[in-house]
Protein backbone atom coordinates (compact mmCIF):
# COMPACT_ATOMS: atom_id res chain seq x y z
CA MET A 1 -7.75 32.16 4.76
CA ALA A 2 -7.97 28.29 5.18
CA ASN A 3 -9.25 28.06 1.51
CA ILE A 4 -6.18 29.83 0.24
CA ILE A 5 -3.86 27.46 2.24
CA ILE A 6 -5.67 24.41 0.79
CA ILE A 7 -5.44 25.85 -2.79
CA LEU A 8 -1.67 26.50 -2.34
CA ILE A 9 -1.21 22.85 -1.11
CA LEU A 10 -3.12 21.52 -3.91
CA ALA A 11 -1.17 23.65 -6.39
CA LEU A 12 2.16 22.37 -4.94
CA ILE A 13 1.04 18.78 -5.20
CA ILE A 14 0.07 19.32 -8.97
CA VAL A 15 3.36 21.00 -9.76
CA TYR A 16 5.29 18.26 -7.98
CA THR A 17 3.34 15.54 -9.80
CA ALA A 18 3.78 17.15 -13.12
CA PHE A 19 7.54 17.50 -12.42
CA THR A 20 8.05 13.81 -11.46
CA TYR A 21 5.94 12.67 -14.36
CA LYS A 22 8.00 14.68 -16.84
CA LYS A 23 11.17 13.31 -15.24
CA LYS A 24 9.89 9.77 -15.57
CA LEU A 25 9.11 10.30 -19.33
CA GLN A 26 12.52 11.61 -19.97
CA SER A 27 14.43 8.89 -18.03
CA GLY A 28 12.52 5.79 -18.92
CA CYS A 29 10.57 3.50 -16.58
CA CYS A 30 13.53 2.60 -14.56
CA GLY A 31 15.34 5.94 -14.44
CA THR A 32 17.97 4.64 -16.81
CA GLY A 33 16.95 6.58 -19.84
CA GLU A 34 17.79 4.90 -23.18
CA GLU A 35 21.08 3.42 -21.84
CA LYS A 36 21.08 -0.19 -21.71
CA VAL A 37 22.15 -1.71 -18.36
CA LYS A 38 25.14 -4.02 -18.89
CA ARG A 39 24.55 -7.44 -17.55
CA ILE A 40 27.25 -9.21 -15.50
CA LYS A 41 28.02 -12.31 -17.48
CA ARG A 42 29.94 -15.25 -16.30
CA LYS A 43 32.14 -17.39 -18.75
CA ASN A 44 32.02 -21.13 -18.64
CA VAL A 45 29.24 -21.55 -16.10
CA ASP A 46 28.57 -25.16 -15.17
CA LEU A 47 25.16 -25.22 -13.57
CA ASP A 48 26.22 -28.53 -11.86
CA ASN A 49 28.38 -26.38 -9.63
CA TYR A 50 25.28 -24.60 -8.39
CA PRO A 51 23.11 -27.36 -6.75
CA TYR A 52 20.69 -25.09 -4.95
CA LEU A 53 17.71 -23.58 -6.78
CA LEU A 54 15.12 -21.03 -5.96
CA LYS A 55 12.38 -19.78 -8.46
CA MET A 56 10.15 -17.00 -7.40
CA LYS A 57 7.85 -14.36 -8.91
CA VAL A 58 9.11 -10.70 -8.94
CA LYS A 59 6.58 -7.93 -9.24
CA GLY A 60 7.40 -4.45 -10.57
CA MET A 61 9.66 -5.29 -13.52
CA HIS A 62 8.60 -3.29 -16.72
CA CYS A 63 11.45 -3.63 -19.13
CA LYS A 64 14.92 -5.41 -19.94
CA ASN A 65 16.72 -2.94 -17.71
CA CYS A 66 14.69 -3.99 -14.70
CA ALA A 67 15.53 -7.69 -15.47
CA ALA A 68 19.20 -6.78 -15.83
CA LYS A 69 19.20 -4.88 -12.65
CA ILE A 70 17.89 -7.82 -10.75
CA GLU A 71 20.20 -10.29 -12.34
CA ASN A 72 23.33 -8.01 -11.71
CA GLY A 73 22.24 -7.71 -8.08
CA PHE A 74 22.52 -11.46 -7.59
CA ASN A 75 25.30 -12.21 -10.11
CA ALA A 76 27.70 -9.81 -8.35
CA ASP A 77 28.12 -12.69 -5.84
CA GLU A 78 30.37 -15.41 -7.38
CA SER A 79 28.57 -18.06 -5.51
CA ARG A 80 25.26 -17.38 -7.16
CA ILE A 81 24.00 -17.23 -10.71
CA SER A 82 20.57 -15.76 -11.66
CA LYS A 83 18.33 -15.41 -14.64
CA VAL A 84 15.18 -13.30 -14.96
CA ASP A 85 12.38 -14.11 -17.33
CA LEU A 86 10.73 -10.73 -17.90
CA ALA A 87 7.71 -12.23 -19.62
CA SER A 88 6.70 -14.45 -16.79
CA GLY A 89 8.19 -12.20 -14.03
CA THR A 90 10.23 -15.02 -12.65
CA LEU A 91 13.63 -15.01 -11.08
CA THR A 92 15.69 -18.31 -11.16
CA LEU A 93 18.49 -18.22 -8.65
CA ARG A 94 21.07 -20.99 -8.40
CA ALA A 95 23.75 -21.04 -5.64
CA LYS A 96 26.68 -23.10 -4.38
CA THR A 97 25.33 -22.77 -0.87
CA PRO A 98 21.88 -23.21 0.68
CA ILE A 99 19.56 -20.30 -0.35
CA ASP A 100 17.78 -18.27 2.36
CA THR A 101 14.44 -17.33 0.92
CA GLY A 102 13.91 -14.48 3.26
CA ALA A 103 17.38 -12.99 2.39
CA VAL A 104 16.54 -13.24 -1.24
CA LYS A 105 13.27 -11.52 -0.69
CA ALA A 106 14.99 -8.73 1.10
CA GLU A 107 17.51 -8.35 -1.55
CA VAL A 108 14.89 -8.12 -4.18
CA PHE A 109 13.17 -5.37 -2.17
CA LYS A 110 16.47 -3.63 -1.83
CA LEU A 111 16.75 -3.62 -5.58
CA GLY A 112 13.47 -1.87 -5.79
CA TYR A 113 11.10 -4.68 -6.64
CA THR A 114 8.53 -6.93 -4.75
CA ALA A 115 9.24 -10.60 -4.28
CA GLY A 116 6.19 -12.79 -4.92
CA GLU A 117 5.43 -16.44 -4.32
CA VAL A 118 8.13 -19.09 -4.36
CA LEU A 119 7.54 -21.33 -7.28
CA GLU A 120 10.18 -23.93 -6.54
CA ALA A 121 12.92 -24.37 -4.02
CA ARG A 122 15.43 -27.22 -4.38
CA GLY A 123 18.71 -28.22 -2.59
CA ALA A 124 21.16 -30.99 -3.16
C-alpha cells in the first residue's frame, strides 16, 4: 500500500514538472512570451539632476525583457533613473535623493531577481 502511494506522489511530481516546463517553453524565460516589454523612457534626462548613484550586480536576468522589467520598476518613480547592462548583470541607479541600498535590494527581490554585491555607491 505504501508503495502505491509513493508511486502516485512521484507520478504527480513528474506530471507537474512536465506541465510547468511546457508552460515555460511556450511563454519564454520571463513568462512574457515573444512580446517585448516596453521600457519606460524619459525625455531630456539631465544626469546632473540625479547626483546619487548606486551600481550593483543583479542575478537571475536572462533576456532583454528581464532587464526592461527591472528598469521599469525603478523608472516608474520620477526621482530615479535606472539602466541595466544585461551582459554584465549590472544595475545602475541614479536618484535625486539619497539611495537606501537595503530598499533597492528589496525592490530587486520584489521584481523577481536577486541583488548581488554593490559595486559603487556615491552621493553628492
